[in-house]
Amino acid sequence: MNHLLETAQAISAIGFLCYGIACLFLPRMKKEFLRYGLPKMRVLTGSLQVAAAIGLLVGYAYPYCAILASLGLSLMMLVALAVRLKIKDPVAGFLQALSCFILNLFVFAGYVFVLIKKT
């Protein structure tokens, strides 16, 4: 396995695990989701992020889990980019979502490439 791919996977897993847990339990995240105009999506978003982070970790042993988790997180970050554009978020928030999108797209493409190369 490629060390860069493994590192990107670990960074994404740790980041989304922390953010997902924050979504579920921190009061400030309730305010953030109100700001996004999506207060009812906070628990679902946090749960999906925690599940995907676990999927990325399981993906070290079972690559298909990493593919599904990174694809799911990439799609979630596309939605996050759209939300941030809609609410006219500052550039910093937009760049954070864009970075996470690119990171997970890299993990997704890396695993797909590795699996194709094996066949």
PDB file of N, CA and C in Angstrom:
ATOM      1  N   MET A   1       0.849  -1.180   0.000  1.00  0.00           N
ATOM      2  CA  MET A   1       0.000   0.000   0.000  1.00  0.00           C
ATOM      3  C   MET A   1       0.892   1.239   0.000  1.00  0.00           C
ATOM      4  N   ASN A   2       0.437   2.259  -0.590  1.00  0.00           N
ATOM      5  CA  ASN A   2       1.142   3.526  -0.722  1.00  0.00           C
ATOM      6  C   ASN A   2       1.072   4.301   0.602  1.00  0.00           C
ATOM      7  N   HIS A   3       2.213   4.765   1.093  1.00  0.00           N
ATOM      8  CA  HIS A   3       2.239   5.493   2.374  1.00  0.00           C
ATOM      9  C   HIS A   3       1.462   6.803   2.306  1.00  0.00           C
ATOM     10  N   LEU A   4       1.488   7.469   1.182  1.00  0.00           N
ATOM     11  CA  LEU A   4       0.738   8.715   1.033  1.00  0.00           C
ATOM     12  C   LEU A   4      -0.766   8.445   1.134  1.00  0.00           C
ATOM     13  N   LEU A   5      -1.212   7.380   0.496  1.00  0.00           N
ATOM     14  CA  LEU A   5      -2.623   6.998   0.558  1.00  0.00           C
ATOM     15  C   LEU A   5      -3.021   6.634   1.989  1.00  0.00           C
ATOM     16  N   GLU A   6      -2.190   5.861   2.660  1.00  0.00           N
ATOM     17  CA  GLU A   6      -2.482   5.478   4.048  1.00  0.00           C
ATOM     18  C   GLU A   6      -2.524   6.697   4.972  1.00  0.00           C
ATOM     19  N   THR A   7      -1.632   7.641   4.743  1.00  0.00           N
ATOM     20  CA  THR A   7      -1.601   8.853   5.557  1.00  0.00           C
ATOM     21  C   THR A   7      -2.848   9.700   5.321  1.00  0.00           C
ATOM     22  N   ALA A   8      -3.215   9.872   4.057  1.00  0.00           N
ATOM     23  CA  ALA A   8      -4.430  10.628   3.719  1.00  0.00           C
ATOM     24  C   ALA A   8      -5.653   9.970   4.352  1.00  0.00           C
ATOM     25  N   GLN A   9      -5.690   8.666   4.314  1.00  0.00           N
ATOM     26  CA  GLN A   9      -6.798   7.905   4.897  1.00  0.00           C
ATOM     27  C   GLN A   9      -6.860   8.128   6.405  1.00  0.00           C
ATOM     28  N   ALA A  10      -5.725   8.095   7.066  1.00  0.00           N
ATOM     29  CA  ALA A  10      -5.678   8.299   8.522  1.00  0.00           C
ATOM     30  C   ALA A  10      -6.103   9.723   8.887  1.00  0.00           C
ATOM     31  N   ILE A  11      -5.613  10.703   8.147  1.00  0.00           N
ATOM     32  CA  ILE A  11      -5.976  12.104   8.413  1.00  0.00           C
ATOM     33  C   ILE A  11      -7.480  12.286   8.271  1.00  0.00           C
ATOM     34  N   SER A  12      -8.040  11.732   7.215  1.00  0.00           N
ATOM     35  CA  SER A  12      -9.479  11.849   6.993  1.00  0.00           C
ATOM     36  C   SER A  12     -10.257  11.144   8.095  1.00  0.00           C
ATOM     37  N   ALA A  13      -9.843   9.939   8.440  1.00  0.00           N
ATOM     38  CA  ALA A  13     -10.550   9.174   9.469  1.00  0.00           C
ATOM     39  C   ALA A  13     -10.544   9.915  10.808  1.00  0.00           C
ATOM     40  N   ILE A  14      -9.398  10.405  11.215  1.00  0.00           N
ATOM     41  CA  ILE A  14      -9.296  11.107  12.497  1.00  0.00           C
ATOM     42  C   ILE A  14     -10.105  12.404  12.463  1.00  0.00           C
ATOM     43  N   GLY A  15      -9.973  13.151  11.378  1.00  0.00           N
ATOM     44  CA  GLY A  15     -10.695  14.415  11.256  1.00  0.00           C
ATOM     45  C   GLY A  15     -12.200  14.239  11.278  1.00  0.00           C
ATOM     46  N   PHE A  16     -12.702  13.278  10.518  1.00  0.00           N
ATOM     47  CA  PHE A  16     -14.150  13.077  10.470  1.00  0.00           C
ATOM     48  C   PHE A  16     -14.684  12.404  11.724  1.00  0.00           C
ATOM     49  N   LEU A  17     -13.873  11.595  12.370  1.00  0.00           N
ATOM     50  CA  LEU A  17     -14.296  11.023  13.651  1.00  0.00           C
ATOM     51  C   LEU A  17     -14.485  12.145  14.682  1.00  0.00           C
ATOM     52  N   CYS A  18     -13.526  13.047  14.736  1.00  0.00           N
ATOM     53  CA  CYS A  18     -13.621  14.175  15.684  1.00  0.00           C
ATOM     54  C   CYS A  18     -14.782  15.099  15.332  1.00  0.00           C
ATOM     55  N   TYR A  19     -14.919  15.442  14.060  1.00  0.00           N
ATOM     56  CA  TYR A  19     -15.983  16.354  13.660  1.00  0.00           C
ATOM     57  C   TYR A  19     -17.351  15.703  13.847  1.00  0.00           C
ATOM     58  N   GLY A  20     -17.451  14.424  13.525  1.00  0.00           N
ATOM     59  CA  GLY A  20     -18.712  13.716  13.698  1.00  0.00           C
ATOM     60  C   GLY A  20     -19.139  13.656  15.153  1.00  0.00           C
ATOM     61  N   ILE A  21     -18.194  13.368  16.038  1.00  0.00           N
ATOM     62  CA  ILE A  21     -18.493  13.341  17.470  1.00  0.00           C
ATOM     63  C   ILE A  21     -18.893  14.735  17.944  1.00  0.00           C
ATOM     64  N   ALA A  22     -18.200  15.753  17.439  1.00  0.00           N
ATOM     65  CA  ALA A  22     -18.558  17.134  17.795  1.00  0.00           C
ATOM     66  C   ALA A  22     -19.984  17.451  17.350  1.00  0.00           C
ATOM     67  N   CYS A  23     -20.343  17.024  16.145  1.00  0.00           N
ATOM     68  CA  CYS A  23     -21.709  17.252  15.649  1.00  0.00           C
ATOM     69  C   CYS A  23     -22.742  16.632  16.581  1.00  0.00           C
ATOM     70  N   LEU A  24     -22.429  15.496  17.112  1.00  0.00           N
ATOM     71  CA  LEU A  24     -23.381  14.770  17.947  1.00  0.00           C
ATOM     72  C   LEU A  24     -23.503  15.343  19.356  1.00  0.00           C
ATOM     73  N   PHE A  25     -22.409  15.907  19.889  1.00  0.00           N
ATOM     74  CA  PHE A  25     -22.415  16.220  21.313  1.00  0.00           C
ATOM     75  C   PHE A  25     -22.129  17.670  21.707  1.00  0.00           C
ATOM     76  N   LEU A  26     -21.552  18.473  20.849  1.00  0.00           N
ATOM     77  CA  LEU A  26     -21.179  19.829  21.263  1.00  0.00           C
ATOM     78  C   LEU A  26     -22.277  20.847  20.965  1.00  0.00           C
ATOM     79  N   PRO A  27     -22.622  21.651  21.949  1.00  0.00           N
ATOM     80  CA  PRO A  27     -23.671  22.668  21.748  1.00  0.00           C
ATOM     81  C   PRO A  27     -23.342  23.668  20.630  1.00  0.00           C
ATOM     82  N   ARG A  28     -22.065  23.970  20.451  1.00  0.00           N
ATOM     83  CA  ARG A  28     -21.718  24.938  19.398  1.00  0.00           C
ATOM     84  C   ARG A  28     -22.060  24.411  18.001  1.00  0.00           C
ATOM     85  N   MET A  29     -22.100  23.091  17.860  1.00  0.00           N
ATOM     86  CA  MET A  29     -22.454  22.521  16.557  1.00  0.00           C
ATOM     87  C   MET A  29     -23.945  22.700  16.269  1.00  0.00           C
ATOM     88  N   LYS A  30     -24.751  22.751  17.327  1.00  0.00           N
ATOM     89  CA  LYS A  30     -26.176  23.060  17.125  1.00  0.00           C
ATOM     90  C   LYS A  30     -26.310  24.436  16.494  1.00  0.00           C
ATOM     91  N   LYS A  31     -25.509  25.384  16.986  1.00  0.00           N
ATOM     92  CA  LYS A  31     -25.524  26.742  16.427  1.00  0.00           C
ATOM     93  C   LYS A  31     -25.031  26.748  14.979  1.00  0.00           C
ATOM     94  N   GLU A  32     -24.005  25.977  14.699  1.00  0.00           N
ATOM     95  CA  GLU A  32     -23.472  25.913  13.329  1.00  0.00           C
ATOM     96  C   GLU A  32     -24.527  25.389  12.356  1.00  0.00           C
ATOM     97  N   PHE A  33     -25.203  24.335  12.748  1.00  0.00           N
ATOM     98  CA  PHE A  33     -26.208  23.763  11.849  1.00  0.00           C
ATOM     99  C   PHE A  33     -27.420  24.683  11.700  1.00  0.00           C
ATOM    100  N   LEU A  34     -27.700  25.485  12.714  1.00  0.00           N
ATOM    101  CA  LEU A  34     -28.723  26.530  12.567  1.00  0.00           C
ATOM    102  C   LEU A  34     -28.261  27.555  11.534  1.00  0.00           C
ATOM    103  N   ARG A  35     -26.986  27.927  11.620  1.00  0.00           N
ATOM    104  CA  ARG A  35     -26.413  28.881  10.663  1.00  0.00           C
ATOM    105  C   ARG A  35     -26.460  28.334   9.242  1.00  0.00           C
ATOM    106  N   TYR A  36     -26.243  27.035   9.110  1.00  0.00           N
ATOM    107  CA  TYR A  36     -26.304  26.401   7.792  1.00  0.00           C
ATOM    108  C   TYR A  36     -27.741  26.314   7.278  1.00  0.00           C
ATOM    109  N   GLY A  37     -28.701  26.469   8.183  1.00  0.00           N
ATOM    110  CA  GLY A  37     -30.099  26.287   7.813  1.00  0.00           C
ATOM    111  C   GLY A  37     -30.509  24.825   7.788  1.00  0.00           C
ATOM    112  N   LEU A  38     -29.750  23.995   8.509  1.00  0.00           N
ATOM    113  CA  LEU A  38     -29.986  22.544   8.501  1.00  0.00           C
ATOM    114  C   LEU A  38     -29.989  21.961   9.920  1.00  0.00           C
ATOM    115  N   PRO A  39     -30.769  22.521  10.834  1.00  0.00           N
ATOM    116  CA  PRO A  39     -30.696  22.025  12.218  1.00  0.00           C
ATOM    117  C   PRO A  39     -31.111  20.568  12.371  1.00  0.00           C
ATOM    118  N   LYS A  40     -32.000  20.094  11.532  1.00  0.00           N
ATOM    119  CA  LYS A  40     -32.463  18.703  11.654  1.00  0.00           C
ATOM    120  C   LYS A  40     -31.474  17.695  11.066  1.00  0.00           C
ATOM    121  N   MET A  41     -30.444  18.179  10.396  1.00  0.00           N
ATOM    122  CA  MET A  41     -29.474  17.288   9.749  1.00  0.00           C
ATOM    123  C   MET A  41     -28.229  17.034  10.607  1.00  0.00           C
ATOM    124  N   ARG A  42     -28.130  17.695  11.754  1.00  0.00           N
ATOM    125  CA  ARG A  42     -26.916  17.616  12.576  1.00  0.00           C
ATOM    126  C   ARG A  42     -26.632  16.186  13.042  1.00  0.00           C
ATOM    127  N   VAL A  43     -27.614  15.514  13.605  1.00  0.00           N
ATOM    128  CA  VAL A  43     -27.390  14.168  14.149  1.00  0.00           C
ATOM    129  C   VAL A  43     -27.097  13.184  13.014  1.00  0.00           C
ATOM    130  N   LEU A  44     -27.832  13.290  11.921  1.00  0.00           N
ATOM    131  CA  LEU A  44     -27.572  12.409  10.780  1.00  0.00           C
ATOM    132  C   LEU A  44     -26.171  12.649  10.226  1.00  0.00           C
ATOM    133  N   THR A  45     -25.815  13.913  10.067  1.00  0.00           N
ATOM    134  CA  THR A  45     -24.492  14.251   9.538  1.00  0.00           C
ATOM    135  C   THR A  45     -23.396  13.707  10.449  1.00  0.00           C
ATOM    136  N   GLY A  46     -23.514  13.956  11.740  1.00  0.00           N
ATOM    137  CA  GLY A  46     -22.506  13.453  12.678  1.00  0.00           C
ATOM    138  C   GLY A  46     -22.419  11.939  12.677  1.00  0.00           C
ATOM    139  N   SER A  47     -23.558  11.280  12.634  1.00  0.00           N
ATOM    140  CA  SER A  47     -23.576   9.810  12.623  1.00  0.00           C
ATOM    141  C   SER A  47     -22.928   9.257  11.360  1.00  0.00           C
ATOM    142  N   LEU A  48     -23.240   9.854  10.222  1.00  0.00           N
ATOM    143  CA  LEU A  48     -22.644   9.405   8.957  1.00  0.00           C
ATOM    144  C   LEU A  48     -21.135   9.643   8.940  1.00  0.00           C
ATOM    145  N   GLN A  49     -20.711  10.754   9.515  1.00  0.00           N
ATOM    146  CA  GLN A  49     -19.275  11.035   9.549  1.00  0.00           C
ATOM    147  C   GLN A  49     -18.533  10.063  10.460  1.00  0.00           C
ATOM    148  N   VAL A  50     -19.108   9.745  11.600  1.00  0.00           N
ATOM    149  CA  VAL A  50     -18.485   8.760  12.493  1.00  0.00           C
ATOM    150  C   VAL A  50     -18.443   7.389  11.803  1.00  0.00           C
ATOM    151  N   ALA A  51     -19.542   6.995  11.175  1.00  0.00           N
ATOM    152  CA  ALA A  51     -19.584   5.698  10.484  1.00  0.00           C
ATOM    153  C   ALA A  51     -18.566   5.645   9.351  1.00  0.00           C
ATOM    154  N   ALA A  52     -18.460   6.722   8.592  1.00  0.00           N
ATOM    155  CA  ALA A  52     -17.502   6.746   7.483  1.00  0.00           C
ATOM    156  C   ALA A  52     -16.062   6.738   8.001  1.00  0.00           C
ATOM    157  N   ALA A  53     -15.802   7.435   9.099  1.00  0.00           N
ATOM    158  CA  ALA A  53     -14.455   7.420   9.689  1.00  0.00           C
ATOM    159  C   ALA A  53     -14.084   6.002  10.117  1.00  0.00           C
ATOM    160  N   ILE A  54     -15.025   5.309  10.725  1.00  0.00           N
ATOM    161  CA  ILE A  54     -14.788   3.912  11.105  1.00  0.00           C
ATOM    162  C   ILE A  54     -14.575   3.067   9.848  1.00  0.00           C
ATOM    163  N   GLY A  55     -15.357   3.342   8.810  1.00  0.00           N
ATOM    164  CA  GLY A  55     -15.185   2.638   7.541  1.00  0.00           C
ATOM    165  C   GLY A  55     -13.801   2.854   6.945  1.00  0.00           C
ATOM    166  N   LEU A  56     -13.278   4.060   7.080  1.00  0.00           N
ATOM    167  CA  LEU A  56     -11.915   4.314   6.591  1.00  0.00           C
ATOM    168  C   LEU A  56     -10.898   3.506   7.386  1.00  0.00           C
ATOM    169  N   LEU A  57     -11.089   3.402   8.682  1.00  0.00           N
ATOM    170  CA  LEU A  57     -10.157   2.618   9.511  1.00  0.00           C
ATOM    171  C   LEU A  57     -10.261   1.131   9.192  1.00  0.00           C
ATOM    172  N   VAL A  58     -11.476   0.640   9.043  1.00  0.00           N
ATOM    173  CA  VAL A  58     -11.677  -0.763   8.656  1.00  0.00           C
ATOM    174  C   VAL A  58     -11.104  -1.006   7.254  1.00  0.00           C
ATOM    175  N   GLY A  59     -11.081   0.056   6.456  1.00  0.00           N
ATOM    176  CA  GLY A  59     -10.577  -0.033   5.088  1.00  0.00           C
ATOM    177  C   GLY A  59      -9.117  -0.423   4.976  1.00  0.00           C
ATOM    178  N   TYR A  60      -8.358  -0.285   6.056  1.00  0.00           N
ATOM    179  CA  TYR A  60      -6.973  -0.761   6.002  1.00  0.00           C
ATOM    180  C   TYR A  60      -6.934  -2.274   5.811  1.00  0.00           C
ATOM    181  N   ALA A  61      -7.922  -2.972   6.375  1.00  0.00           N
ATOM    182  CA  ALA A  61      -7.988  -4.426   6.232  1.00  0.00           C
ATOM    183  C   ALA A  61      -8.886  -4.836   5.074  1.00  0.00           C
ATOM    184  N   TYR A  62      -9.933  -4.054   4.835  1.00  0.00           N
ATOM    185  CA  TYR A  62     -10.906  -4.375   3.789  1.00  0.00           C
ATOM    186  C   TYR A  62     -11.063  -3.157   2.873  1.00  0.00           C
ATOM    187  N   PRO A  63     -10.290  -3.117   1.786  1.00  0.00           N
ATOM    188  CA  PRO A  63     -10.243  -1.937   0.922  1.00  0.00           C
ATOM    189  C   PRO A  63     -11.607  -1.456   0.419  1.00  0.00           C
ATOM    190  N   TYR A  64     -12.550  -2.353   0.231  1.00  0.00           N
ATOM    191  CA  TYR A  64     -13.862  -1.918  -0.261  1.00  0.00           C
ATOM    192  C   TYR A  64     -14.558  -1.003   0.747  1.00  0.00           C
ATOM    193  N   CYS A  65     -14.282  -1.200   2.025  1.00  0.00           N
ATOM    194  CA  CYS A  65     -14.829  -0.294   3.049  1.00  0.00           C
ATOM    195  C   CYS A  65     -14.253   1.107   2.881  1.00  0.00           C
ATOM    196  N   ALA A  66     -12.962   1.189   2.593  1.00  0.00           N
ATOM    197  CA  ALA A  66     -12.326   2.494   2.383  1.00  0.00           C
ATOM    198  C   ALA A  66     -12.898   3.171   1.138  1.00  0.00           C
ATOM    199  N   ILE A  67     -13.168   2.393   0.111  1.00  0.00           N
ATOM    200  CA  ILE A  67     -13.743   2.960  -1.115  1.00  0.00           C
ATOM    201  C   ILE A  67     -15.118   3.546  -0.828  1.00  0.00           C
ATOM    202  N   LEU A  68     -15.962   2.775  -0.173  1.00  0.00           N
ATOM    203  CA  LEU A  68     -17.317   3.262   0.130  1.00  0.00           C
ATOM    204  C   LEU A  68     -17.300   4.457   1.082  1.00  0.00           C
ATOM    205  N   ALA A  69     -16.469   4.381   2.111  1.00  0.00           N
ATOM    206  CA  ALA A  69     -16.413   5.466   3.094  1.00  0.00           C
ATOM    207  C   ALA A  69     -15.879   6.742   2.465  1.00  0.00           C
ATOM    208  N   SER A  70     -14.818   6.654   1.690  1.00  0.00           N
ATOM    209  CA  SER A  70     -14.241   7.856   1.078  1.00  0.00           C
ATOM    210  C   SER A  70     -15.167   8.431   0.015  1.00  0.00           C
ATOM    211  N   LEU A  71     -15.882   7.581  -0.697  1.00  0.00           N
ATOM    212  CA  LEU A  71     -16.863   8.077  -1.669  1.00  0.00           C
ATOM    213  C   LEU A  71     -17.997   8.801  -0.944  1.00  0.00           C
ATOM    214  N   GLY A  72     -18.486   8.210   0.130  1.00  0.00           N
ATOM    215  CA  GLY A  72     -19.545   8.846   0.907  1.00  0.00           C
ATOM    216  C   GLY A  72     -19.117  10.193   1.477  1.00  0.00           C
ATOM    217  N   LEU A  73     -17.898  10.259   1.992  1.00  0.00           N
ATOM    218  CA  LEU A  73     -17.402  11.521   2.540  1.00  0.00           C
ATOM    219  C   LEU A  73     -17.170  12.551   1.431  1.00  0.00           C
ATOM    220  N   SER A  74     -16.717  12.100   0.276  1.00  0.00           N
ATOM    221  CA  SER A  74     -16.549  13.023  -0.854  1.00  0.00           C
ATOM    222  C   SER A  74     -17.890  13.634  -1.244  1.00  0.00           C
ATOM    223  N   LEU A  75     -18.917  12.805  -1.331  1.00  0.00           N
ATOM    224  CA  LEU A  75     -20.250  13.313  -1.664  1.00  0.00           C
ATOM    225  C   LEU A  75     -20.779  14.249  -0.576  1.00  0.00           C
ATOM    226  N   MET A  76     -20.519  13.897   0.682  1.00  0.00           N
ATOM    227  CA  MET A  76     -20.951  14.752   1.781  1.00  0.00           C
ATOM    228  C   MET A  76     -20.260  16.122   1.700  1.00  0.00           C
ATOM    229  N   MET A  77     -19.001  16.125   1.307  1.00  0.00           N
ATOM    230  CA  MET A  77     -18.272  17.387   1.199  1.00  0.00           C
ATOM    231  C   MET A  77     -18.736  18.212  -0.004  1.00  0.00           C
ATOM    232  N   LEU A  78     -19.212  17.551  -1.043  1.00  0.00           N
ATOM    233  CA  LEU A  78     -19.816  18.301  -2.156  1.00  0.00           C
ATOM    234  C   LEU A  78     -21.067  19.033  -1.683  1.00  0.00           C
ATOM    235  N   VAL A  79     -21.866  18.356  -0.882  1.00  0.00           N
ATOM    236  CA  VAL A  79     -23.058  18.994  -0.302  1.00  0.00           C
ATOM    237  C   VAL A  79     -22.631  20.135   0.622  1.00  0.00           C
ATOM    238  N   ALA A  80     -21.591  19.911   1.411  1.00  0.00           N
ATOM    239  CA  ALA A  80     -21.096  20.957   2.313  1.00  0.00           C
ATOM    240  C   ALA A  80     -20.637  22.179   1.529  1.00  0.00           C
ATOM    241  N   LEU A  81     -19.986  21.957   0.402  1.00  0.00           N
ATOM    242  CA  LEU A  81     -19.554  23.077  -0.450  1.00  0.00           C
ATOM    243  C   LEU A  81     -20.765  23.858  -0.959  1.00  0.00           C
ATOM    244  N   ALA A  82     -21.785  23.147  -1.375  1.00  0.00           N
ATOM    245  CA  ALA A  82     -23.001  23.811  -1.867  1.00  0.00           C
ATOM    246  C   ALA A  82     -23.663  24.621  -0.750  1.00  0.00           C
ATOM    247  N   VAL A  83     -23.722  24.050   0.447  1.00  0.00           N
ATOM    248  CA  VAL A  83     -24.324  24.762   1.586  1.00  0.00           C
ATOM    249  C   VAL A  83     -23.515  26.012   1.908  1.00  0.00           C
ATOM    250  N   ARG A  84     -22.215  25.881   1.927  1.00  0.00           N
ATOM    251  CA  ARG A  84     -21.364  27.027   2.258  1.00  0.00           C
ATOM    252  C   ARG A  84     -21.466  28.123   1.196  1.00  0.00           C
ATOM    253  N   LEU A  85     -21.627  27.733  -0.048  1.00  0.00           N
ATOM    254  CA  LEU A  85     -21.857  28.735  -1.101  1.00  0.00           C
ATOM    255  C   LEU A  85     -23.207  29.417  -0.904  1.00  0.00           C
ATOM    256  N   LYS A  86     -24.204  28.632  -0.585  1.00  0.00           N
ATOM    257  CA  LYS A  86     -25.565  29.160  -0.408  1.00  0.00           C
ATOM    258  C   LYS A  86     -25.634  30.183   0.720  1.00  0.00           C
ATOM    259  N   ILE A  87     -24.950  29.899   1.830  1.00  0.00           N
ATOM    260  CA  ILE A  87     -25.017  30.819   2.971  1.00  0.00           C
ATOM    261  C   ILE A  87     -23.930  31.894   2.901  1.00  0.00           C
ATOM    262  N   LYS A  88     -23.174  31.878   1.806  1.00  0.00           N
ATOM    263  CA  LYS A  88     -22.106  32.863   1.616  1.00  0.00           C
ATOM    264  C   LYS A  88     -21.098  32.835   2.774  1.00  0.00           C
ATOM    265  N   ASP A  89     -20.647  31.637   3.067  1.00  0.00           N
ATOM    266  CA  ASP A  89     -19.678  31.426   4.140  1.00  0.00           C
ATOM    267  C   ASP A  89     -18.338  32.070   3.760  1.00  0.00           C
ATOM    268  N   PRO A  90     -17.542  32.464   4.759  1.00  0.00           N
ATOM    269  CA  PRO A  90     -16.210  32.995   4.462  1.00  0.00           C
ATOM    270  C   PRO A  90     -15.343  31.957   3.744  1.00  0.00           C
ATOM    271  N   VAL A  91     -14.312  32.436   3.100  1.00  0.00           N
ATOM    272  CA  VAL A  91     -13.435  31.564   2.315  1.00  0.00           C
ATOM    273  C   VAL A  91     -12.849  30.434   3.156  1.00  0.00           C
ATOM    274  N   ALA A  92     -12.522  30.703   4.405  1.00  0.00           N
ATOM    275  CA  ALA A  92     -11.909  29.679   5.262  1.00  0.00           C
ATOM    276  C   ALA A  92     -12.803  28.449   5.385  1.00  0.00           C
ATOM    277  N   GLY A  93     -14.092  28.637   5.593  1.00  0.00           N
ATOM    278  CA  GLY A  93     -15.018  27.511   5.692  1.00  0.00           C
ATOM    279  C   GLY A  93     -15.133  26.764   4.382  1.00  0.00           C
ATOM    280  N   PHE A  94     -15.156  27.506   3.304  1.00  0.00           N
ATOM    281  CA  PHE A  94     -15.232  26.901   1.978  1.00  0.00           C
ATOM    282  C   PHE A  94     -13.974  26.073   1.701  1.00  0.00           C
ATOM    283  N   LEU A  95     -12.810  26.620   2.045  1.00  0.00           N
ATOM    284  CA  LEU A  95     -11.552  25.907   1.802  1.00  0.00           C
ATOM    285  C   LEU A  95     -11.439  24.641   2.636  1.00  0.00           C
ATOM    286  N   GLN A  96     -11.992  24.676   3.841  1.00  0.00           N
ATOM    287  CA  GLN A  96     -11.979  23.475   4.684  1.00  0.00           C
ATOM    288  C   GLN A  96     -12.779  22.351   4.026  1.00  0.00           C
ATOM    289  N   ALA A  97     -13.972  22.664   3.562  1.00  0.00           N
ATOM    290  CA  ALA A  97     -14.799  21.651   2.901  1.00  0.00           C
ATOM    291  C   ALA A  97     -14.151  21.187   1.598  1.00  0.00           C
ATOM    292  N   LEU A  98     -13.556  22.107   0.857  1.00  0.00           N
ATOM    293  CA  LEU A  98     -12.891  21.750  -0.399  1.00  0.00           C
ATOM    294  C   LEU A  98     -11.696  20.838  -0.138  1.00  0.00           C
ATOM    295  N   SER A  99     -10.920  21.141   0.896  1.00  0.00           N
ATOM    296  CA  SER A  99      -9.768  20.299   1.252  1.00  0.00           C
ATOM    297  C   SER A  99     -10.206  18.890   1.626  1.00  0.00           C
ATOM    298  N   CYS A 100     -11.273  18.801   2.409  1.00  0.00           N
ATOM    299  CA  CYS A 100     -11.790  17.481   2.798  1.00  0.00           C
ATOM    300  C   CYS A 100     -12.322  16.717   1.599  1.00  0.00           C
ATOM    301  N   PHE A 101     -12.954  17.425   0.670  1.00  0.00           N
ATOM    302  CA  PHE A 101     -13.433  16.787  -0.556  1.00  0.00           C
ATOM    303  C   PHE A 101     -12.260  16.212  -1.344  1.00  0.00           C
ATOM    304  N   ILE A 102     -11.227  17.025  -1.558  1.00  0.00           N
ATOM    305  CA  ILE A 102     -10.062  16.583  -2.341  1.00  0.00           C
ATOM    306  C   ILE A 102      -9.359  15.424  -1.641  1.00  0.00           C
ATOM    307  N   LEU A 103      -9.213  15.507  -0.327  1.00  0.00           N
ATOM    308  CA  LEU A 103      -8.558  14.441   0.439  1.00  0.00           C
ATOM    309  C   LEU A 103      -9.288  13.110   0.266  1.00  0.00           C
ATOM    310  N   ASN A 104     -10.609  13.134   0.403  1.00  0.00           N
ATOM    311  CA  ASN A 104     -11.380  11.894   0.289  1.00  0.00           C
ATOM    312  C   ASN A 104     -11.472  11.405  -1.150  1.00  0.00           C
ATOM    313  N   LEU A 105     -11.481  12.308  -2.091  1.00  0.00           N
ATOM    314  CA  LEU A 105     -11.457  11.905  -3.494  1.00  0.00           C
ATOM    315  C   LEU A 105     -10.128  11.221  -3.819  1.00  0.00           C
ATOM    316  N   PHE A 106      -9.048  11.720  -3.219  1.00  0.00           N
ATOM    317  CA  PHE A 106      -7.730  11.101  -3.380  1.00  0.00           C
ATOM    318  C   PHE A 106      -7.734   9.681  -2.812  1.00  0.00           C
ATOM    319  N   VAL A 107      -8.299   9.511  -1.623  1.00  0.00           N
ATOM    320  CA  VAL A 107      -8.369   8.179  -1.002  1.00  0.00           C
ATOM    321  C   VAL A 107      -9.202   7.248  -1.870  1.00  0.00           C
ATOM    322  N   PHE A 108     -10.352   7.723  -2.320  1.00  0.00           N
ATOM    323  CA  PHE A 108     -11.220   6.920  -3.183  1.00  0.00           C
ATOM    324  C   PHE A 108     -10.480   6.482  -4.445  1.00  0.00           C
ATOM    325  N   ALA A 109      -9.894   7.453  -5.155  1.00  0.00           N
ATOM    326  CA  ALA A 109      -9.194   7.144  -6.408  1.00  0.00           C
ATOM    327  C   ALA A 109      -7.995   6.238  -6.159  1.00  0.00           C
ATOM    328  N   GLY A 110      -7.297   6.462  -5.055  1.00  0.00           N
ATOM    329  CA  GLY A 110      -6.134   5.631  -4.744  1.00  0.00           C
ATOM    330  C   GLY A 110      -6.501   4.176  -4.537  1.00  0.00           C
ATOM    331  N   TYR A 111      -7.573   3.922  -3.796  1.00  0.00           N
ATOM    332  CA  TYR A 111      -7.998   2.548  -3.570  1.00  0.00           C
ATOM    333  C   TYR A 111      -8.551   1.904  -4.832  1.00  0.00           C
ATOM    334  N   VAL A 112      -9.287   2.656  -5.612  1.00  0.00           N
ATOM    335  CA  VAL A 112      -9.797   2.108  -6.872  1.00  0.00           C
ATOM    336  C   VAL A 112      -8.609   1.722  -7.766  1.00  0.00           C
ATOM    337  N   PHE A 113      -7.616   2.595  -7.845  1.00  0.00           N
ATOM    338  CA  PHE A 113      -6.431   2.309  -8.661  1.00  0.00           C
ATOM    339  C   PHE A 113      -5.715   1.067  -8.158  1.00  0.00           C
ATOM    340  N   VAL A 114      -5.530   0.955  -6.842  1.00  0.00           N
ATOM    341  CA  VAL A 114      -4.842  -0.200  -6.255  1.00  0.00           C
ATOM    342  C   VAL A 114      -5.600  -1.485  -6.577  1.00  0.00           C
ATOM    343  N   LEU A 115      -6.928  -1.463  -6.447  1.00  0.00           N
ATOM    344  CA  LEU A 115      -7.718  -2.666  -6.729  1.00  0.00           C
ATOM    345  C   LEU A 115      -7.712  -3.031  -8.201  1.00  0.00           C
ATOM    346  N   ILE A 116      -7.766  -2.028  -9.071  1.00  0.00           N
ATOM    347  CA  ILE A 116      -7.703  -2.296 -10.520  1.00  0.00           C
ATOM    348  C   ILE A 116      -6.344  -2.876 -10.890  1.00  0.00           C
ATOM    349  N   LYS A 117      -5.304  -2.338 -10.293  1.00  0.00           N
ATOM    350  CA  LYS A 117      -3.938  -2.796 -10.580  1.00  0.00           C
ATOM    351  C   LYS A 117      -3.740  -4.258 -10.178  1.00  0.00           C
ATOM    352  N   LYS A 118      -4.440  -4.691  -9.111  1.00  0.00           N
ATOM    353  CA  LYS A 118      -4.323  -6.071  -8.636  1.00  0.00           C
ATOM    354  C   LYS A 118      -4.998  -7.071  -9.555  1.00  0.00           C
ATOM    355  N   THR A 119      -5.991  -6.605 -10.323  1.00  0.00           N
ATOM    356  CA  THR A 119      -6.723  -7.540 -11.180  1.00  0.00           C
ATOM    357  C   THR A 119      -6.115  -7.698 -12.534  1.00  0.00           C
TER     358      THR A 119
END
